ModelCIF file with pLDDT and N, C-alpha, C, O atoms, coordinates in Angstrom:
data_MODEL
#
_entry.id   MODEL 
#
_entity.id                         1 
_entity.type                       polymer 
_entity.pdbx_number_of_molecules   1 
#
_entity_poly.entity_id                      1 
_entity_poly.type                           'polypeptide(L)' 
_entity_poly.nstd_linkage                   no 
_entity_poly.nstd_monomer                   no 
_entity_poly.pdbx_seq_one_letter_code       CDVMVENFAPGALDRMGFTWERIQEINPRMIYASVKGFGPGPFEDCK 
_entity_poly.pdbx_seq_one_letter_code_can   CDVMVENFAPGALDRMGFTWERIQEINPRMIYASVKGFGPGPFEDCK 
_entity_poly.pdbx_strand_id                 A 
#
loop_
_entity_poly_seq.entity_id 
_entity_poly_seq.num 
_entity_poly_seq.mon_id 
_entity_poly_seq.hetero 
1 1  CYS n 
1 2  ASP n 
1 3  VAL n 
1 4  MET n 
1 5  VAL n 
1 6  GLU n 
1 7  ASN n 
1 8  PHE n 
1 9  ALA n 
1 10 PRO n 
1 11 GLY n 
1 12 ALA n 
1 13 LEU n 
1 14 ASP n 
1 15 ARG n 
1 16 MET n 
1 17 GLY n 
1 18 PHE n 
1 19 THR n 
1 20 TRP n 
1 21 GLU n 
1 22 ARG n 
1 23 ILE n 
1 24 GLN n 
1 25 GLU n 
1 26 ILE n 
1 27 ASN n 
1 28 PRO n 
1 29 ARG n 
1 30 MET n 
1 31 ILE n 
1 32 TYR n 
1 33 ALA n 
1 34 SER n 
1 35 VAL n 
1 36 LYS n 
1 37 GLY n 
1 38 PHE n 
1 39 GLY n 
1 40 PRO n 
1 41 GLY n 
1 42 PRO n 
1 43 PHE n 
1 44 GLU n 
1 45 ASP n 
1 46 CYS n 
1 47 LYS n 
#
_struct_asym.id          A 
_struct_asym.entity_id   1 
#
loop_
_ma_qa_metric.id 
_ma_qa_metric.mode 
_ma_qa_metric.name 
_ma_qa_metric.software_group_id 
_ma_qa_metric.type 
1 global pLDDT . pLDDT 
2 local  pLDDT . pLDDT 
#
_ma_qa_metric_global.metric_id      1 
_ma_qa_metric_global.metric_value   93.49 
_ma_qa_metric_global.model_id       1 
_ma_qa_metric_global.ordinal_id     1 
#
loop_
_ma_qa_metric_local.label_asym_id 
_ma_qa_metric_local.label_comp_id 
_ma_qa_metric_local.label_seq_id 
_ma_qa_metric_local.metric_id 
_ma_qa_metric_local.metric_value 
_ma_qa_metric_local.model_id 
_ma_qa_metric_local.ordinal_id 
A CYS 1  2 98.00 1 1  
A ASP 2  2 98.00 1 2  
A VAL 3  2 98.00 1 3  
A MET 4  2 98.00 1 4  
A VAL 5  2 98.00 1 5  
A GLU 6  2 96.00 1 6  
A ASN 7  2 91.00 1 7  
A PHE 8  2 89.00 1 8  
A ALA 9  2 83.00 1 9  
A PRO 10 2 81.00 1 10 
A GLY 11 2 85.00 1 11 
A ALA 12 2 88.00 1 12 
A LEU 13 2 91.00 1 13 
A ASP 14 2 91.00 1 14 
A ARG 15 2 91.00 1 15 
A MET 16 2 91.00 1 16 
A GLY 17 2 93.00 1 17 
A PHE 18 2 95.00 1 18 
A THR 19 2 95.00 1 19 
A TRP 20 2 96.00 1 20 
A GLU 21 2 96.00 1 21 
A ARG 22 2 97.00 1 22 
A ILE 23 2 97.00 1 23 
A GLN 24 2 97.00 1 24 
A GLU 25 2 97.00 1 25 
A ILE 26 2 98.00 1 26 
A ASN 27 2 98.00 1 27 
A PRO 28 2 98.00 1 28 
A ARG 29 2 98.00 1 29 
A MET 30 2 98.00 1 30 
A ILE 31 2 98.00 1 31 
A TYR 32 2 98.00 1 32 
A ALA 33 2 98.00 1 33 
A SER 34 2 96.00 1 34 
A VAL 35 2 96.00 1 35 
A LYS 36 2 94.00 1 36 
A GLY 37 2 94.00 1 37 
A PHE 38 2 94.00 1 38 
A GLY 39 2 93.00 1 39 
A PRO 40 2 91.00 1 40 
A GLY 41 2 91.00 1 41 
A PRO 42 2 92.00 1 42 
A PHE 43 2 90.00 1 43 
A GLU 44 2 88.00 1 44 
A ASP 45 2 87.00 1 45 
A CYS 46 2 88.00 1 46 
A LYS 47 2 86.00 1 47 
#
loop_
_atom_site.group_PDB 
_atom_site.id 
_atom_site.type_symbol 
_atom_site.label_atom_id 
_atom_site.label_alt_id 
_atom_site.label_comp_id 
_atom_site.label_asym_id 
_atom_site.label_entity_id 
_atom_site.label_seq_id 
_atom_site.pdbx_PDB_ins_code 
_atom_site.Cartn_x 
_atom_site.Cartn_y 
_atom_site.Cartn_z 
_atom_site.occupancy 
_atom_site.B_iso_or_equiv 
_atom_site.pdbx_formal_charge 
_atom_site.auth_seq_id 
_atom_site.auth_comp_id 
_atom_site.auth_asym_id 
_atom_site.auth_atom_id 
_atom_site.pdbx_PDB_model_num 
ATOM 1   N N  . CYS A 1 1  ? -114.035 22.224 44.841 1.00 98.00 ? 1  CYS A N  1 
ATOM 2   C CA . CYS A 1 1  ? -113.809 23.380 45.711 1.00 98.00 ? 1  CYS A CA 1 
ATOM 3   C C  . CYS A 1 1  ? -112.966 24.467 45.046 1.00 98.00 ? 1  CYS A C  1 
ATOM 4   O O  . CYS A 1 1  ? -112.301 24.239 44.036 1.00 98.00 ? 1  CYS A O  1 
ATOM 5   N N  . ASP A 1 2  ? -113.017 25.643 45.643 1.00 98.00 ? 2  ASP A N  1 
ATOM 6   C CA . ASP A 1 2  ? -112.265 26.798 45.156 1.00 98.00 ? 2  ASP A CA 1 
ATOM 7   C C  . ASP A 1 2  ? -110.936 26.976 45.880 1.00 98.00 ? 2  ASP A C  1 
ATOM 8   O O  . ASP A 1 2  ? -109.951 27.425 45.293 1.00 98.00 ? 2  ASP A O  1 
ATOM 9   N N  . VAL A 1 3  ? -110.922 26.619 47.159 1.00 98.00 ? 3  VAL A N  1 
ATOM 10  C CA . VAL A 1 3  ? -109.750 26.848 48.003 1.00 98.00 ? 3  VAL A CA 1 
ATOM 11  C C  . VAL A 1 3  ? -109.501 25.604 48.841 1.00 98.00 ? 3  VAL A C  1 
ATOM 12  O O  . VAL A 1 3  ? -110.442 25.026 49.384 1.00 98.00 ? 3  VAL A O  1 
ATOM 13  N N  . MET A 1 4  ? -108.252 25.189 48.950 1.00 98.00 ? 4  MET A N  1 
ATOM 14  C CA . MET A 1 4  ? -107.875 24.141 49.892 1.00 98.00 ? 4  MET A CA 1 
ATOM 15  C C  . MET A 1 4  ? -106.908 24.737 50.905 1.00 98.00 ? 4  MET A C  1 
ATOM 16  O O  . MET A 1 4  ? -105.936 25.401 50.543 1.00 98.00 ? 4  MET A O  1 
ATOM 17  N N  . VAL A 1 5  ? -107.192 24.488 52.178 1.00 98.00 ? 5  VAL A N  1 
ATOM 18  C CA . VAL A 1 5  ? -106.361 25.023 53.250 1.00 98.00 ? 5  VAL A CA 1 
ATOM 19  C C  . VAL A 1 5  ? -105.829 23.862 54.078 1.00 98.00 ? 5  VAL A C  1 
ATOM 20  O O  . VAL A 1 5  ? -106.585 22.964 54.449 1.00 98.00 ? 5  VAL A O  1 
ATOM 21  N N  . GLU A 1 6  ? -104.527 23.873 54.370 1.00 96.00 ? 6  GLU A N  1 
ATOM 22  C CA . GLU A 1 6  ? -103.942 22.799 55.185 1.00 96.00 ? 6  GLU A CA 1 
ATOM 23  C C  . GLU A 1 6  ? -102.825 23.349 56.064 1.00 96.00 ? 6  GLU A C  1 
ATOM 24  O O  . GLU A 1 6  ? -102.166 24.331 55.721 1.00 96.00 ? 6  GLU A O  1 
ATOM 25  N N  . ASN A 1 7  ? -102.631 22.702 57.191 1.00 91.00 ? 7  ASN A N  1 
ATOM 26  C CA . ASN A 1 7  ? -101.487 23.017 58.057 1.00 91.00 ? 7  ASN A CA 1 
ATOM 27  C C  . ASN A 1 7  ? -100.814 21.728 58.528 1.00 91.00 ? 7  ASN A C  1 
ATOM 28  O O  . ASN A 1 7  ? -100.458 21.581 59.697 1.00 91.00 ? 7  ASN A O  1 
ATOM 29  N N  . PHE A 1 8  ? -100.649 20.793 57.574 1.00 89.00 ? 8  PHE A N  1 
ATOM 30  C CA . PHE A 1 8  ? -99.924  19.556 57.848 1.00 89.00 ? 8  PHE A CA 1 
ATOM 31  C C  . PHE A 1 8  ? -98.443  19.837 58.064 1.00 89.00 ? 8  PHE A C  1 
ATOM 32  O O  . PHE A 1 8  ? -97.950  20.934 57.798 1.00 89.00 ? 8  PHE A O  1 
ATOM 33  N N  . ALA A 1 9  ? -97.752  18.821 58.551 1.00 83.00 ? 9  ALA A N  1 
ATOM 34  C CA . ALA A 1 9  ? -96.293  18.902 58.614 1.00 83.00 ? 9  ALA A CA 1 
ATOM 35  C C  . ALA A 1 9  ? -95.754  19.053 57.191 1.00 83.00 ? 9  ALA A C  1 
ATOM 36  O O  . ALA A 1 9  ? -96.394  18.601 56.242 1.00 83.00 ? 9  ALA A O  1 
ATOM 37  N N  . PRO A 1 10 ? -94.591  19.679 57.029 1.00 81.00 ? 10 PRO A N  1 
ATOM 38  C CA . PRO A 1 10 ? -94.039  19.904 55.687 1.00 81.00 ? 10 PRO A CA 1 
ATOM 39  C C  . PRO A 1 10 ? -93.970  18.616 54.862 1.00 81.00 ? 10 PRO A C  1 
ATOM 40  O O  . PRO A 1 10 ? -93.469  17.594 55.333 1.00 81.00 ? 10 PRO A O  1 
ATOM 41  N N  . GLY A 1 11 ? -94.477  18.676 53.629 1.00 85.00 ? 11 GLY A N  1 
ATOM 42  C CA . GLY A 1 11 ? -94.380  17.553 52.698 1.00 85.00 ? 11 GLY A CA 1 
ATOM 43  C C  . GLY A 1 11 ? -95.453  16.499 52.822 1.00 85.00 ? 11 GLY A C  1 
ATOM 44  O O  . GLY A 1 11 ? -95.420  15.516 52.082 1.00 85.00 ? 11 GLY A O  1 
ATOM 45  N N  . ALA A 1 12 ? -96.417  16.660 53.735 1.00 88.00 ? 12 ALA A N  1 
ATOM 46  C CA . ALA A 1 12 ? -97.418  15.611 53.971 1.00 88.00 ? 12 ALA A CA 1 
ATOM 47  C C  . ALA A 1 12 ? -98.280  15.358 52.743 1.00 88.00 ? 12 ALA A C  1 
ATOM 48  O O  . ALA A 1 12 ? -98.475  14.204 52.361 1.00 88.00 ? 12 ALA A O  1 
ATOM 49  N N  . LEU A 1 13 ? -98.796  16.402 52.118 1.00 91.00 ? 13 LEU A N  1 
ATOM 50  C CA . LEU A 1 13 ? -99.636  16.208 50.937 1.00 91.00 ? 13 LEU A CA 1 
ATOM 51  C C  . LEU A 1 13 ? -98.841  15.668 49.762 1.00 91.00 ? 13 LEU A C  1 
ATOM 52  O O  . LEU A 1 13 ? -99.356  14.879 48.970 1.00 91.00 ? 13 LEU A O  1 
ATOM 53  N N  . ASP A 1 14 ? -97.591  16.088 49.644 1.00 91.00 ? 14 ASP A N  1 
ATOM 54  C CA . ASP A 1 14 ? -96.742  15.563 48.573 1.00 91.00 ? 14 ASP A CA 1 
ATOM 55  C C  . ASP A 1 14 ? -96.604  14.054 48.696 1.00 91.00 ? 14 ASP A C  1 
ATOM 56  O O  . ASP A 1 14 ? -96.667  13.331 47.702 1.00 91.00 ? 14 ASP A O  1 
ATOM 57  N N  . ARG A 1 15 ? -96.414  13.583 49.928 1.00 91.00 ? 15 ARG A N  1 
ATOM 58  C CA . ARG A 1 15 ? -96.254  12.146 50.147 1.00 91.00 ? 15 ARG A CA 1 
ATOM 59  C C  . ARG A 1 15 ? -97.535  11.383 49.858 1.00 91.00 ? 15 ARG A C  1 
ATOM 60  O O  . ARG A 1 15 ? -97.494  10.186 49.570 1.00 91.00 ? 15 ARG A O  1 
ATOM 61  N N  . MET A 1 16 ? -98.668  12.061 49.931 1.00 91.00 ? 16 MET A N  1 
ATOM 62  C CA . MET A 1 16 ? -99.948  11.431 49.587 1.00 91.00 ? 16 MET A CA 1 
ATOM 63  C C  . MET A 1 16 ? -100.159 11.375 48.079 1.00 91.00 ? 16 MET A C  1 
ATOM 64  O O  . MET A 1 16 ? -101.105 10.747 47.603 1.00 91.00 ? 16 MET A O  1 
ATOM 65  N N  . GLY A 1 17 ? -99.275  12.032 47.329 1.00 93.00 ? 17 GLY A N  1 
ATOM 66  C CA . GLY A 1 17 ? -99.408  12.056 45.877 1.00 93.00 ? 17 GLY A CA 1 
ATOM 67  C C  . GLY A 1 17 ? -100.099 13.289 45.350 1.00 93.00 ? 17 GLY A C  1 
ATOM 68  O O  . GLY A 1 17 ? -100.400 13.369 44.159 1.00 93.00 ? 17 GLY A O  1 
ATOM 69  N N  . PHE A 1 18 ? -100.357 14.255 46.218 1.00 95.00 ? 18 PHE A N  1 
ATOM 70  C CA . PHE A 1 18 ? -101.051 15.467 45.796 1.00 95.00 ? 18 PHE A CA 1 
ATOM 71  C C  . PHE A 1 18 ? -100.104 16.669 45.902 1.00 95.00 ? 18 PHE A C  1 
ATOM 72  O O  . PHE A 1 18 ? -100.234 17.522 46.780 1.00 95.00 ? 18 PHE A O  1 
ATOM 73  N N  . THR A 1 19 ? -99.157  16.697 44.976 1.00 95.00 ? 19 THR A N  1 
ATOM 74  C CA . THR A 1 19 ? -98.252  17.836 44.878 1.00 95.00 ? 19 THR A CA 1 
ATOM 75  C C  . THR A 1 19 ? -99.021  19.037 44.325 1.00 95.00 ? 19 THR A C  1 
ATOM 76  O O  . THR A 1 19 ? -100.145 18.892 43.844 1.00 95.00 ? 19 THR A O  1 
ATOM 77  N N  . TRP A 1 20 ? -98.418  20.211 44.397 1.00 96.00 ? 20 TRP A N  1 
ATOM 78  C CA . TRP A 1 20 ? -99.051  21.396 43.841 1.00 96.00 ? 20 TRP A CA 1 
ATOM 79  C C  . TRP A 1 20 ? -99.282  21.225 42.338 1.00 96.00 ? 20 TRP A C  1 
ATOM 80  O O  . TRP A 1 20 ? -100.298 21.679 41.812 1.00 96.00 ? 20 TRP A O  1 
ATOM 81  N N  . GLU A 1 21 ? -98.347  20.575 41.648 1.00 96.00 ? 21 GLU A N  1 
ATOM 82  C CA . GLU A 1 21 ? -98.516  20.351 40.213 1.00 96.00 ? 21 GLU A CA 1 
ATOM 83  C C  . GLU A 1 21 ? -99.711  19.444 39.936 1.00 96.00 ? 21 GLU A C  1 
ATOM 84  O O  . GLU A 1 21 ? -100.467 19.672 38.991 1.00 96.00 ? 21 GLU A O  1 
ATOM 85  N N  . ARG A 1 22 ? -99.878  18.412 40.769 1.00 97.00 ? 22 ARG A N  1 
ATOM 86  C CA . ARG A 1 22 ? -101.010 17.495 40.596 1.00 97.00 ? 22 ARG A CA 1 
ATOM 87  C C  . ARG A 1 22 ? -102.331 18.205 40.911 1.00 97.00 ? 22 ARG A C  1 
ATOM 88  O O  . ARG A 1 22 ? -103.328 17.997 40.220 1.00 97.00 ? 22 ARG A O  1 
ATOM 89  N N  . ILE A 1 23 ? -102.338 19.024 41.931 1.00 97.00 ? 23 ILE A N  1 
ATOM 90  C CA . ILE A 1 23 ? -103.549 19.771 42.285 1.00 97.00 ? 23 ILE A CA 1 
ATOM 91  C C  . ILE A 1 23 ? -103.943 20.701 41.144 1.00 97.00 ? 23 ILE A C  1 
ATOM 92  O O  . ILE A 1 23 ? -105.129 20.838 40.843 1.00 97.00 ? 23 ILE A O  1 
ATOM 93  N N  . GLN A 1 24 ? -102.962 21.344 40.504 1.00 97.00 ? 24 GLN A N  1 
ATOM 94  C CA . GLN A 1 24 ? -103.245 22.230 39.376 1.00 97.00 ? 24 GLN A CA 1 
ATOM 95  C C  . GLN A 1 24 ? -103.830 21.455 38.192 1.00 97.00 ? 24 GLN A C  1 
ATOM 96  O O  . GLN A 1 24 ? -104.691 21.963 37.474 1.00 97.00 ? 24 GLN A O  1 
ATOM 97  N N  . GLU A 1 25 ? -103.354 20.220 37.995 1.00 97.00 ? 25 GLU A N  1 
ATOM 98  C CA . GLU A 1 25 ? -103.900 19.391 36.921 1.00 97.00 ? 25 GLU A CA 1 
ATOM 99  C C  . GLU A 1 25 ? -105.375 19.083 37.179 1.00 97.00 ? 25 GLU A C  1 
ATOM 100 O O  . GLU A 1 25 ? -106.197 19.109 36.262 1.00 97.00 ? 25 GLU A O  1 
ATOM 101 N N  . ILE A 1 26 ? -105.694 18.793 38.435 1.00 98.00 ? 26 ILE A N  1 
ATOM 102 C CA . ILE A 1 26 ? -107.071 18.442 38.788 1.00 98.00 ? 26 ILE A CA 1 
ATOM 103 C C  . ILE A 1 26 ? -107.990 19.664 38.686 1.00 98.00 ? 26 ILE A C  1 
ATOM 104 O O  . ILE A 1 26 ? -109.102 19.574 38.166 1.00 98.00 ? 26 ILE A O  1 
ATOM 105 N N  . ASN A 1 27 ? -107.513 20.803 39.189 1.00 98.00 ? 27 ASN A N  1 
ATOM 106 C CA . ASN A 1 27 ? -108.334 22.012 39.205 1.00 98.00 ? 27 ASN A CA 1 
ATOM 107 C C  . ASN A 1 27 ? -107.429 23.238 39.062 1.00 98.00 ? 27 ASN A C  1 
ATOM 108 O O  . ASN A 1 27 ? -106.874 23.712 40.054 1.00 98.00 ? 27 ASN A O  1 
ATOM 109 N N  . PRO A 1 28 ? -107.276 23.759 37.834 1.00 98.00 ? 28 PRO A N  1 
ATOM 110 C CA . PRO A 1 28 ? -106.379 24.900 37.621 1.00 98.00 ? 28 PRO A CA 1 
ATOM 111 C C  . PRO A 1 28 ? -106.792 26.165 38.374 1.00 98.00 ? 28 PRO A C  1 
ATOM 112 O O  . PRO A 1 28 ? -105.976 27.068 38.557 1.00 98.00 ? 28 PRO A O  1 
ATOM 113 N N  . ARG A 1 29 ? -108.052 26.237 38.812 1.00 98.00 ? 29 ARG A N  1 
ATOM 114 C CA . ARG A 1 29 ? -108.540 27.413 39.535 1.00 98.00 ? 29 ARG A CA 1 
ATOM 115 C C  . ARG A 1 29 ? -108.369 27.285 41.050 1.00 98.00 ? 29 ARG A C  1 
ATOM 116 O O  . ARG A 1 29 ? -108.710 28.198 41.802 1.00 98.00 ? 29 ARG A O  1 
ATOM 117 N N  . MET A 1 30 ? -107.839 26.150 41.483 1.00 98.00 ? 30 MET A N  1 
ATOM 118 C CA . MET A 1 30 ? -107.705 25.914 42.927 1.00 98.00 ? 30 MET A CA 1 
ATOM 119 C C  . MET A 1 30 ? -106.676 26.846 43.557 1.00 98.00 ? 30 MET A C  1 
ATOM 120 O O  . MET A 1 30 ? -105.573 27.018 43.038 1.00 98.00 ? 30 MET A O  1 
ATOM 121 N N  . ILE A 1 31 ? -107.051 27.437 44.670 1.00 98.00 ? 31 ILE A N  1 
ATOM 122 C CA . ILE A 1 31 ? -106.135 28.211 45.514 1.00 98.00 ? 31 ILE A CA 1 
ATOM 123 C C  . ILE A 1 31 ? -105.724 27.304 46.668 1.00 98.00 ? 31 ILE A C  1 
ATOM 124 O O  . ILE A 1 31 ? -106.564 26.858 47.450 1.00 98.00 ? 31 ILE A O  1 
ATOM 125 N N  . TYR A 1 32 ? -104.437 27.040 46.765 1.00 98.00 ? 32 TYR A N  1 
ATOM 126 C CA . TYR A 1 32 ? -103.908 26.082 47.741 1.00 98.00 ? 32 TYR A CA 1 
ATOM 127 C C  . TYR A 1 32 ? -103.163 26.867 48.818 1.00 98.00 ? 32 TYR A C  1 
ATOM 128 O O  . TYR A 1 32 ? -102.083 27.404 48.574 1.00 98.00 ? 32 TYR A O  1 
ATOM 129 N N  . ALA A 1 33 ? -103.746 26.925 50.001 1.00 98.00 ? 33 ALA A N  1 
ATOM 130 C CA . ALA A 1 33 ? -103.204 27.744 51.082 1.00 98.00 ? 33 ALA A CA 1 
ATOM 131 C C  . ALA A 1 33 ? -102.635 26.871 52.191 1.00 98.00 ? 33 ALA A C  1 
ATOM 132 O O  . ALA A 1 33 ? -103.261 25.898 52.613 1.00 98.00 ? 33 ALA A O  1 
ATOM 133 N N  . SER A 1 34 ? -101.440 27.228 52.659 1.00 96.00 ? 34 SER A N  1 
ATOM 134 C CA . SER A 1 34 ? -100.746 26.415 53.659 1.00 96.00 ? 34 SER A CA 1 
ATOM 135 C C  . SER A 1 34 ? -100.212 27.269 54.789 1.00 96.00 ? 34 SER A C  1 
ATOM 136 O O  . SER A 1 34 ? -99.736  28.384 54.577 1.00 96.00 ? 34 SER A O  1 
ATOM 137 N N  . VAL A 1 35 ? -100.299 26.725 55.998 1.00 96.00 ? 35 VAL A N  1 
ATOM 138 C CA . VAL A 1 35 ? -99.600  27.277 57.157 1.00 96.00 ? 35 VAL A CA 1 
ATOM 139 C C  . VAL A 1 35 ? -98.407  26.374 57.438 1.00 96.00 ? 35 VAL A C  1 
ATOM 140 O O  . VAL A 1 35 ? -98.546  25.152 57.505 1.00 96.00 ? 35 VAL A O  1 
ATOM 141 N N  . LYS A 1 36 ? -97.250  26.971 57.600 1.00 94.00 ? 36 LYS A N  1 
ATOM 142 C CA . LYS A 1 36 ? -96.060  26.232 58.004 1.00 94.00 ? 36 LYS A CA 1 
ATOM 143 C C  . LYS A 1 36 ? -95.393  26.972 59.158 1.00 94.00 ? 36 LYS A C  1 
ATOM 144 O O  . LYS A 1 36 ? -95.688  28.142 59.400 1.00 94.00 ? 36 LYS A O  1 
ATOM 145 N N  . GLY A 1 37 ? -94.509  26.302 59.858 1.00 94.00 ? 37 GLY A N  1 
ATOM 146 C CA . GLY A 1 37 ? -93.839  26.937 60.984 1.00 94.00 ? 37 GLY A CA 1 
ATOM 147 C C  . GLY A 1 37 ? -92.844  27.987 60.544 1.00 94.00 ? 37 GLY A C  1 
ATOM 148 O O  . GLY A 1 37 ? -92.808  29.095 61.078 1.00 94.00 ? 37 GLY A O  1 
ATOM 149 N N  . PHE A 1 38 ? -92.019  27.615 59.542 1.00 94.00 ? 38 PHE A N  1 
ATOM 150 C CA . PHE A 1 38 ? -90.979  28.520 59.058 1.00 94.00 ? 38 PHE A CA 1 
ATOM 151 C C  . PHE A 1 38 ? -91.032  28.598 57.540 1.00 94.00 ? 38 PHE A C  1 
ATOM 152 O O  . PHE A 1 38 ? -91.517  27.681 56.876 1.00 94.00 ? 38 PHE A O  1 
ATOM 153 N N  . GLY A 1 39 ? -90.532  29.695 57.003 1.00 93.00 ? 39 GLY A N  1 
ATOM 154 C CA . GLY A 1 39 ? -90.366  29.804 55.572 1.00 93.00 ? 39 GLY A CA 1 
ATOM 155 C C  . GLY A 1 39 ? -89.090  29.103 55.140 1.00 93.00 ? 39 GLY A C  1 
ATOM 156 O O  . GLY A 1 39 ? -88.440  28.452 55.959 1.00 93.00 ? 39 GLY A O  1 
ATOM 157 N N  . PRO A 1 40 ? -88.715  29.221 53.865 1.00 91.00 ? 40 PRO A N  1 
ATOM 158 C CA . PRO A 1 40 ? -87.497  28.591 53.369 1.00 91.00 ? 40 PRO A CA 1 
ATOM 159 C C  . PRO A 1 40 ? -86.277  29.021 54.178 1.00 91.00 ? 40 PRO A C  1 
ATOM 160 O O  . PRO A 1 40 ? -86.116  30.198 54.501 1.00 91.00 ? 40 PRO A O  1 
ATOM 161 N N  . GLY A 1 41 ? -85.423  28.055 54.499 1.00 91.00 ? 41 GLY A N  1 
ATOM 162 C CA . GLY A 1 41 ? -84.252  28.353 55.310 1.00 91.00 ? 41 GLY A CA 1 
ATOM 163 C C  . GLY A 1 41 ? -83.871  27.157 56.158 1.00 91.00 ? 41 GLY A C  1 
ATOM 164 O O  . GLY A 1 41 ? -84.376  26.057 55.930 1.00 91.00 ? 41 GLY A O  1 
ATOM 165 N N  . PRO A 1 42 ? -83.002  27.341 57.119 1.00 92.00 ? 42 PRO A N  1 
ATOM 166 C CA . PRO A 1 42 ? -82.477  26.208 57.891 1.00 92.00 ? 42 PRO A CA 1 
ATOM 167 C C  . PRO A 1 42 ? -83.520  25.507 58.764 1.00 92.00 ? 42 PRO A C  1 
ATOM 168 O O  . PRO A 1 42 ? -83.311  24.360 59.159 1.00 92.00 ? 42 PRO A O  1 
ATOM 169 N N  . PHE A 1 43 ? -84.642  26.173 59.077 1.00 90.00 ? 43 PHE A N  1 
ATOM 170 C CA . PHE A 1 43 ? -85.635  25.577 59.969 1.00 90.00 ? 43 PHE A CA 1 
ATOM 171 C C  . PHE A 1 43 ? -86.912  25.148 59.257 1.00 90.00 ? 43 PHE A C  1 
ATOM 172 O O  . PHE A 1 43 ? -87.884  24.782 59.918 1.00 90.00 ? 43 PHE A O  1 
ATOM 173 N N  . GLU A 1 44 ? -86.935  25.184 57.932 1.00 88.00 ? 44 GLU A N  1 
ATOM 174 C CA . GLU A 1 44 ? -88.200  25.017 57.215 1.00 88.00 ? 44 GLU A CA 1 
ATOM 175 C C  . GLU A 1 44 ? -88.865  23.655 57.433 1.00 88.00 ? 44 GLU A C  1 
ATOM 176 O O  . GLU A 1 44 ? -90.077  23.538 57.250 1.00 88.00 ? 44 GLU A O  1 
ATOM 177 N N  . ASP A 1 45 ? -88.117  22.635 57.814 1.00 87.00 ? 45 ASP A N  1 
ATOM 178 C CA . ASP A 1 45 ? -88.707  21.318 58.030 1.00 87.00 ? 45 ASP A CA 1 
ATOM 179 C C  . ASP A 1 45 ? -89.051  21.062 59.503 1.00 87.00 ? 45 ASP A C  1 
ATOM 180 O O  . ASP A 1 45 ? -89.441  19.951 59.862 1.00 87.00 ? 45 ASP A O  1 
ATOM 181 N N  . CYS A 1 46 ? -88.910  22.069 60.345 1.00 88.00 ? 46 CYS A N  1 
ATOM 182 C CA . CYS A 1 46 ? -89.167  21.899 61.777 1.00 88.00 ? 46 CYS A CA 1 
ATOM 183 C C  . CYS A 1 46 ? -90.648  22.110 62.091 1.00 88.00 ? 46 CYS A C  1 
ATOM 184 O O  . CYS A 1 46 ? -91.319  22.936 61.471 1.00 88.00 ? 46 CYS A O  1 
ATOM 185 N N  . LYS A 1 47 ? -91.143  21.345 63.069 1.00 86.00 ? 47 LYS A N  1 
ATOM 186 C CA . LYS A 1 47 ? -92.520  21.528 63.523 1.00 86.00 ? 47 LYS A CA 1 
ATOM 187 C C  . LYS A 1 47 ? -92.580  22.706 64.501 1.00 86.00 ? 47 LYS A C  1 
ATOM 188 O O  . LYS A 1 47 ? -93.654  23.034 65.007 1.00 86.00 ? 47 LYS A O  1 
#
């Protein structure tokens, strides 16, 4: 694929073993798009 889109809870794909670094190794052309509740800051891990 060209694009992967996810809106899992923060860190879900990382825990599966598919970090952004690992995804780049598999497919350097992959665009990895994520929806999260908050950006970096005190609430970033909140649902």
